[in-house]
C-alpha atoms as a PDB file:
ATOM      1  CA  UNK A   1     197.309  83.638 129.962  1.00  0.00           C
ATOM      2  CA  UNK A   2     194.977  84.640 127.057  1.00  0.00           C
ATOM      3  CA  UNK A   3     194.439  88.197 126.591  1.00  0.00           C
ATOM      4  CA  UNK A   4     191.443  89.936 128.289  1.00  0.00           C
ATOM      5  CA  UNK A   5     188.526  90.278 125.294  1.00  0.00           C
ATOM      6  CA  UNK A   6     186.011  92.456 127.055  1.00  0.00           C
ATOM      7  CA  UNK A   7     183.905  92.326 123.813  1.00  0.00           C
ATOM      8  CA  UNK A   8     184.002  88.525 123.834  1.00  0.00           C
ATOM      9  CA  UNK A   9     184.409  88.327 119.977  1.00  0.00           C
ATOM     10  CA  UNK A  10     186.241  86.025 117.928  1.00  0.00           C
ATOM     11  CA  UNK A  11     189.442  87.241 116.504  1.00  0.00           C
ATOM     12  CA  UNK A  12     190.035  88.803 113.287  1.00  0.00           C
ATOM     13  CA  UNK A  13     191.085  86.243 110.968  1.00  0.00           C
ATOM     14  CA  UNK A  14     191.469  85.610 106.866  1.00  0.00           C
ATOM     15  CA  UNK A  15     189.303  83.112 106.346  1.00  0.00           C
ATOM     16  CA  UNK A  16     188.998  83.037 102.725  1.00  0.00           C
ATOM     17  CA  UNK A  17     192.833  82.796 103.210  1.00  0.00           C
ATOM     18  CA  UNK A  18     192.461  79.913 105.706  1.00  0.00           C
ATOM     19  CA  UNK A  19     190.136  78.164 102.943  1.00  0.00           C
ATOM     20  CA  UNK A  20     192.845  78.411 100.316  1.00  0.00           C
ATOM     21  CA  UNK A  21     195.499  77.161 102.000  1.00  0.00           C
ATOM     22  CA  UNK A  22     193.586  74.401 103.272  1.00  0.00           C
ATOM     23  CA  UNK A  23     192.097  73.738  99.560  1.00  0.00           C
ATOM     24  CA  UNK A  24     195.647  73.372  98.022  1.00  0.00           C
ATOM     25  CA  UNK A  25     196.961  70.675 100.943  1.00  0.00           C
ATOM     26  CA  UNK A  26     193.669  68.487 100.030  1.00  0.00           C
ATOM     27  CA  UNK A  27     194.997  68.819  96.717  1.00  0.00           C
ATOM     28  CA  UNK A  28     198.443  68.340  97.213  1.00  0.00           C
ATOM     29  CA  UNK A  29     197.375  65.504  99.125  1.00  0.00           C
ATOM     30  CA  UNK A  30     195.238  63.881  96.733  1.00  0.00           C
ATOM     31  CA  UNK A  31     196.992  64.489  93.695  1.00  0.00           C
ATOM     32  CA  UNK A  32     200.306  62.814  95.551  1.00  0.00           C
ATOM     33  CA  UNK A  33     198.577  60.218  96.807  1.00  0.00           C
ATOM     34  CA  UNK A  34     197.598  59.231  93.195  1.00  0.00           C
ATOM     35  CA  UNK A  35     201.233  59.730  92.108  1.00  0.00           C
ATOM     36  CA  UNK A  36     202.270  57.848  94.917  1.00  0.00           C
ATOM     37  CA  UNK A  37     200.146  54.933  93.162  1.00  0.00           C
ATOM     38  CA  UNK A  38     200.590  54.999  89.612  1.00  0.00           C
ATOM     39  CA  UNK A  39     204.522  55.373  90.536  1.00  0.00           C
ATOM     40  CA  UNK A  40     204.433  51.648  92.496  1.00  0.00           C
ATOM     41  CA  UNK A  41     201.989  50.362  89.394  1.00  0.00           C
ATOM     42  CA  UNK A  42     204.919  51.455  86.711  1.00  0.00           C
ATOM     43  CA  UNK A  43     207.485  49.529  89.387  1.00  0.00           C
ATOM     44  CA  UNK A  44     205.886  46.966  89.481  1.00  0.00           C
ATOM     45  CA  UNK A  45     205.551  46.513  85.760  1.00  0.00           C
ATOM     46  CA  UNK A  46     209.112  47.374  85.096  1.00  0.00           C
ATOM     47  CA  UNK A  47     210.295  44.268  87.498  1.00  0.00           C
ATOM     48  CA  UNK A  48     207.160  42.437  88.079  1.00  0.00           C
ATOM     49  CA  UNK A  49     204.825  40.536  86.331  1.00  0.00           C
ATOM     50  CA  UNK A  50     202.331  43.597  85.974  1.00  0.00           C
ATOM     51  CA  UNK A  51     201.923  44.073  82.091  1.00  0.00           C
ATOM     52  CA  UNK A  52     202.282  47.581  80.979  1.00  0.00           C
ATOM     53  CA  UNK A  53     198.496  47.628  79.253  1.00  0.00           C
ATOM     54  CA  UNK A  54     197.276  46.906  82.997  1.00  0.00           C
ATOM     55  CA  UNK A  55     198.961  49.951  84.520  1.00  0.00           C
ATOM     56  CA  UNK A  56     197.959  52.455  82.022  1.00  0.00           C
ATOM     57  CA  UNK A  57     194.743  51.775  82.214  1.00  0.00           C
ATOM     58  CA  UNK A  58     194.458  51.580  86.195  1.00  0.00           C
ATOM     59  CA  UNK A  59     196.655  54.604  85.914  1.00  0.00           C
ATOM     60  CA  UNK A  60     193.972  56.185  83.702  1.00  0.00           C
ATOM     61  CA  UNK A  61     191.582  55.207  85.770  1.00  0.00           C
ATOM     62  CA  UNK A  62     192.928  56.215  88.861  1.00  0.00           C
ATOM     63  CA  UNK A  63     193.391  60.121  87.028  1.00  0.00           C
ATOM     64  CA  UNK A  64     189.716  60.295  85.605  1.00  0.00           C
ATOM     65  CA  UNK A  65     188.333  58.970  89.122  1.00  0.00           C
ATOM     66  CA  UNK A  66     190.124  61.688  91.303  1.00  0.00           C
ATOM     67  CA  UNK A  67     189.275  64.828  88.869  1.00  0.00           C
ATOM     68  CA  UNK A  68     185.746  63.718  88.303  1.00  0.00           C
ATOM     69  CA  UNK A  69     184.663  63.033  92.116  1.00  0.00           C
ATOM     70  CA  UNK A  70     186.911  64.767  94.186  1.00  0.00           C
END
């Protein structure tokens, strides 16, 4: 059971640390997804018909869009 709270106040929490942790988590997800896409393009350009210049251009666009808008 929950502890009795006679003042009906929310528990004391470190919201600044929570926001910092969530920001780190969101950044890791964002850049991890971008890195996965870039690696997929690089593998495709090594073993497939995908040209290297296309891979480099799309990789630069992915990084640029994420850095500017997210």
